[in-house]
């Protein structure tokens, strides 16, 4: 419907083809798609999705933050390095 209305507008009023094409790409197609994606992204963080992993998030001392994937990967590499080279670890 929106495409039809904009095409009828641009056929009634002359504009360069490149301007019309850029208008369609950005304002008619990409912006509504961006709104749709931004709405669907929030559905991945609803409480019912996180309820299954609630025992991993909460501890007896209070709420703990779960580490990101990148931070977890660095911690894993550091643990393996400490296992392989114990002399290079920090001594407290």
Protein backbone atom coordinates (compact mmCIF):
# COMPACT_ATOMS: atom_id res chain seq x y z
CA UNK A 1 0.00 0.00 0.00
CA UNK A 2 2.72 2.47 0.97
CA UNK A 3 4.73 1.63 -2.13
CA UNK A 4 1.71 2.29 -4.33
CA UNK A 5 1.03 5.66 -2.71
CA UNK A 6 4.63 6.79 -3.08
CA UNK A 7 4.82 5.61 -6.71
CA UNK A 8 1.64 7.50 -7.52
CA UNK A 9 3.09 10.61 -5.86
CA UNK A 10 6.38 10.39 -7.75
CA UNK A 11 4.64 9.78 -11.09
CA UNK A 12 2.55 12.93 -10.54
CA UNK A 13 5.59 15.06 -9.59
CA UNK A 14 8.83 14.79 -11.53
CA UNK A 15 11.99 13.91 -9.59
CA UNK A 16 15.26 12.39 -10.72
CA UNK A 17 15.26 8.61 -10.73
CA UNK A 18 18.23 8.39 -8.34
CA UNK A 19 16.45 10.61 -5.79
CA UNK A 20 13.31 8.51 -5.98
CA UNK A 21 15.29 5.29 -5.65
CA UNK A 22 17.22 6.57 -2.61
CA UNK A 23 13.97 7.76 -1.04
CA UNK A 24 12.44 4.32 -1.48
CA UNK A 25 15.49 2.46 -0.18
CA UNK A 26 15.94 4.50 2.97
CA UNK A 27 12.52 5.85 3.92
CA UNK A 28 10.11 3.27 2.55
CA UNK A 29 12.07 0.04 3.05
CA UNK A 30 14.98 0.38 5.52
CA UNK A 31 13.38 2.54 8.22
CA UNK A 32 10.29 0.30 8.63
CA UNK A 33 12.53 -2.77 8.57
CA UNK A 34 14.71 -1.21 11.28
CA UNK A 35 11.63 -0.57 13.43
CA UNK A 36 10.53 -4.18 12.96
CA UNK A 37 13.97 -5.52 13.93
CA UNK A 38 14.19 -3.26 16.98
CA UNK A 39 10.83 -4.57 18.20
CA UNK A 40 11.76 -8.20 17.72
CA UNK A 41 15.15 -7.82 19.47
CA UNK A 42 13.45 -7.05 22.79
CA UNK A 43 11.54 -10.34 22.69
CA UNK A 44 14.78 -12.27 23.21
CA UNK A 45 15.25 -10.75 26.68
CA UNK A 46 11.81 -11.29 28.17
CA UNK A 47 11.75 -12.77 31.69
CA UNK A 48 10.24 -16.07 30.58
CA UNK A 49 13.33 -16.77 28.46
CA UNK A 50 15.63 -16.05 31.40
CA UNK A 51 13.54 -17.96 33.93
CA UNK A 52 15.09 -21.29 32.90
CA UNK A 53 18.57 -20.06 33.77
CA UNK A 54 17.57 -18.21 36.96
CA UNK A 55 19.52 -20.54 39.24
CA UNK A 56 22.72 -19.57 37.40
CA UNK A 57 22.05 -15.86 37.76
CA UNK A 58 21.16 -15.75 41.45
CA UNK A 59 23.29 -16.95 44.34
CA UNK A 60 22.82 -16.98 48.11
CA UNK A 61 24.83 -13.79 48.53
CA UNK A 62 22.63 -11.85 46.13
CA UNK A 63 22.51 -11.33 42.42
CA UNK A 64 25.64 -12.05 40.45
CA UNK A 65 26.32 -10.85 36.93
CA UNK A 66 26.76 -13.49 34.28
CA UNK A 67 29.88 -12.92 32.21
CA UNK A 68 29.70 -12.15 28.53
CA UNK A 69 30.87 -14.66 25.95
CA UNK A 70 34.06 -12.76 25.20
CA UNK A 71 34.95 -12.35 28.87
CA UNK A 72 34.25 -16.03 29.49
CA UNK A 73 36.57 -16.96 26.62
CA UNK A 74 39.38 -14.82 28.05
CA UNK A 75 38.87 -16.32 31.52
CA UNK A 76 39.02 -19.82 30.02
CA UNK A 77 42.28 -19.05 28.20
CA UNK A 78 43.75 -17.53 31.37
CA UNK A 79 42.82 -20.62 33.41
CA UNK A 80 44.40 -22.93 30.85
CA UNK A 81 47.54 -20.77 30.79
CA UNK A 82 47.77 -20.96 34.58
CA UNK A 83 47.36 -24.74 34.41
CA UNK A 84 50.10 -25.14 31.82
CA UNK A 85 52.53 -22.55 33.22
CA UNK A 86 52.09 -22.41 37.03
CA UNK A 87 55.33 -20.48 37.57
CA UNK A 88 54.03 -17.47 35.63
CA UNK A 89 50.89 -17.05 37.75
CA UNK A 90 50.52 -14.33 40.33
CA UNK A 91 51.49 -15.29 43.86
CA UNK A 92 49.51 -13.69 46.67
